[in-house]
Protein backbone atom coordinates (compact mmCIF):
# COMPACT_ATOMS: atom_id res chain seq x y z
CA UNK A 1 48.96 -8.22 15.10
CA UNK A 2 47.51 -6.69 11.95
CA UNK A 3 44.24 -4.79 11.54
CA UNK A 4 42.22 -7.72 10.18
CA UNK A 5 43.12 -10.03 13.06
CA UNK A 6 42.28 -7.27 15.56
CA UNK A 7 38.91 -6.81 13.88
CA UNK A 8 38.24 -10.57 13.98
CA UNK A 9 39.13 -10.65 17.67
CA UNK A 10 36.72 -7.79 18.44
CA UNK A 11 33.95 -9.47 16.43
CA UNK A 12 34.56 -12.79 18.18
CA UNK A 13 34.44 -11.18 21.62
CA UNK A 14 31.21 -9.38 20.70
CA UNK A 15 29.69 -12.71 19.64
CA UNK A 16 30.85 -14.33 22.88
CA UNK A 17 29.02 -11.68 24.88
CA UNK A 18 25.74 -12.58 23.13
CA UNK A 19 26.26 -16.34 23.32
CA UNK A 20 24.58 -16.86 26.74
CA UNK A 21 21.43 -15.10 25.50
CA UNK A 22 21.44 -17.20 22.31
CA UNK A 23 21.79 -20.38 24.33
CA UNK A 24 18.98 -19.33 26.68
CA UNK A 25 16.65 -18.63 23.74
CA UNK A 26 17.52 -22.01 22.22
CA UNK A 27 16.70 -23.77 25.51
CA UNK A 28 13.31 -22.13 26.07
CA UNK A 29 10.71 -24.89 26.20
CA UNK A 30 7.12 -24.33 25.21
CA UNK A 31 4.95 -25.92 27.88
CA UNK A 32 1.53 -24.34 27.54
CA UNK A 33 -0.73 -23.17 24.72
CA UNK A 34 -1.04 -19.61 26.01
CA UNK A 35 2.73 -19.05 25.82
CA UNK A 36 2.88 -20.71 22.40
CA UNK A 37 0.12 -18.43 21.08
CA UNK A 38 1.88 -15.33 22.41
CA UNK A 39 5.19 -16.30 20.83
CA UNK A 40 3.57 -17.14 17.50
CA UNK A 41 1.80 -13.76 17.44
CA UNK A 42 4.78 -11.75 18.70
CA UNK A 43 7.42 -13.09 16.29
CA UNK A 44 6.41 -12.38 12.68
CA UNK A 45 6.49 -15.10 10.02
CA UNK A 46 8.47 -12.87 7.69
CA UNK A 47 10.49 -9.72 8.09
CA UNK A 48 8.11 -6.77 8.45
CA UNK A 49 10.64 -4.25 7.17
CA UNK A 50 11.20 -5.50 3.63
CA UNK A 51 9.35 -3.21 1.26
CA UNK A 52 9.12 -2.25 -2.36
CA UNK A 53 8.47 1.45 -2.83
CA UNK A 54 6.25 1.94 -5.85
CA UNK A 55 5.16 5.05 -7.66
CA UNK A 56 2.45 4.74 -10.28
CA UNK A 57 2.88 0.98 -10.27
CA UNK A 58 6.67 1.10 -10.86
CA UNK A 59 9.14 -0.09 -8.25
CA UNK A 60 11.51 2.81 -7.58
CA UNK A 61 13.28 1.46 -4.50
CA UNK A 62 13.61 -1.70 -2.48
CA UNK A 63 14.26 -1.79 1.25
CA UNK A 64 15.95 -5.13 2.04
CA UNK A 65 14.93 -7.25 5.02
CA UNK A 66 16.63 -5.88 8.09
CA UNK A 67 15.78 -8.82 10.33
CA UNK A 68 18.99 -10.62 9.57
CA UNK A 69 20.88 -7.73 11.16
CA UNK A 70 19.30 -8.76 14.46
CA UNK A 71 21.93 -10.85 16.29
CA UNK A 72 19.18 -13.13 17.66
CA UNK A 73 17.30 -13.62 14.37
CA UNK A 74 17.99 -17.37 14.09
CA UNK A 75 17.08 -17.99 17.72
CA UNK A 76 13.77 -16.10 17.41
CA UNK A 77 12.87 -18.02 14.26
CA UNK A 78 13.63 -21.28 16.06
CA UNK A 79 11.55 -20.24 19.07
CA UNK A 80 8.58 -19.38 16.83
CA UNK A 81 8.95 -22.72 15.05
CA UNK A 82 8.94 -24.60 18.37
CA UNK A 83 5.82 -22.71 19.46
CA UNK A 84 4.02 -23.57 16.23
CA UNK A 85 5.08 -27.21 16.48
CA UNK A 86 3.77 -27.34 20.05
CA UNK A 87 0.42 -25.93 18.97
CA UNK A 88 0.13 -28.34 16.04
CA UNK A 89 1.58 -31.52 17.55
CA UNK A 90 0.65 -31.33 21.23
CA UNK A 91 -2.51 -29.20 21.14
CA UNK A 92 -3.76 -30.41 17.77
CA UNK A 93 -4.51 -26.85 16.62
CA UNK A 94 -4.63 -25.54 13.09
CA UNK A 95 -1.72 -23.10 12.77
CA UNK A 96 -2.68 -21.66 9.37
CA UNK A 97 -3.60 -18.35 11.00
CA UNK A 98 0.06 -17.82 11.96
CA UNK A 99 1.55 -18.46 8.54
């Protein structure tokens, strides 16, 4: 077994450990407006860490979005989307305030 296959095996086992949490997040159902509002407020619409550092109007550095390093990023985005869809489709609310 070479180094690259060992590394792939470790990465695969790490992903398998997180899989039950991913599946649970994907199965969360939004059933009431209060929960949907909390989720929509708690999970930001865009990554809050991405920044341009400017001095005297010139960009001197850029901090990339770190959200995609979160192993549950896709699941949280999906959960927020389901909450917004619930508010718009079931409750008939205007969701512009969350965008």
